[in-house]
Amino acid sequence: MVNRMLMVLAMLQLLSCNVDSEVNGSRVDRLPFYQEATFTPLWMEAGVAPPDTFHRIGPFELLNQEGETVTEQTFAGKIYVADFFFTVCPGICPKMTDNMKLLQDEFLDDDEVLLLSHSVTPKYDSVPVLKRYAEEKEIVSRKWHLVTGDQQAIYKLGRHDYFVEESLGLKKGEDDFLHTENFVLVDKHRYIRGIYNGLNKTSVNQLIADIRTLKYEE
């Protein structure tokens, strides 16, 4: 009798493990779209494009660590992850850079995926400074663009295009310092498809999984 009960318990435990494995391994087959700062997810049916009025990342023109001009056309037909940092940041930026490097290493040979880091102190982070930082951090220029340029244009991108601060409920003026740990996932058509905590390894792993989902979707 005891042996029979032990066998039943063992079978139940095995079935439970299998169910947990299936749940943990499941992924949505499509990602939501986001069009405003609350990051309320909007789901589209497969094959249905967002309306023309839907929010997209606007045009921009910046310089990367190689002194090359980078625009929205650099990312045409690409999935990319954007963030905002500065090279002498003593706080969150080093961890963000480490986690962005995980993305670089994961998708190094995948031409569909790029990374874009905007300096929020562009007057200090000149092209030579970004180049030196890239060399120190083993950043691969063909994969990961560190960009500098007009500060007002960069801050406008961060606050009004990527919504990187408003998702935290932080309302700031145009001249207030831009500082955020968020990573933003953008699809091949410049639509925002996800926002992630760039300091959190679990969140970054979810970002990796979502990039793969987006690749399959598109």
Foldseek 3Di string as FASTA:
>chain_A
DVVVVVVVVVVVVVVVVVVVVVVVPDDDLDFFFAADLQRDGDDDDAPDDDDPPGAFQDWDWWAFLVRDIDIVVLLAQAKEKEDEEALPDPPCVVLLLVLVVVVCVVCVPPLRYAYEYEYLPQVPCDSPNNNVSCVVSVNDCSHYTYTHDDNLRVLCSCCPRQSQPVNVVDDDDSPDRDDHQKMWIAHNRRTTRDIFRSNDNVRSVVVVVVVVSRVSSD
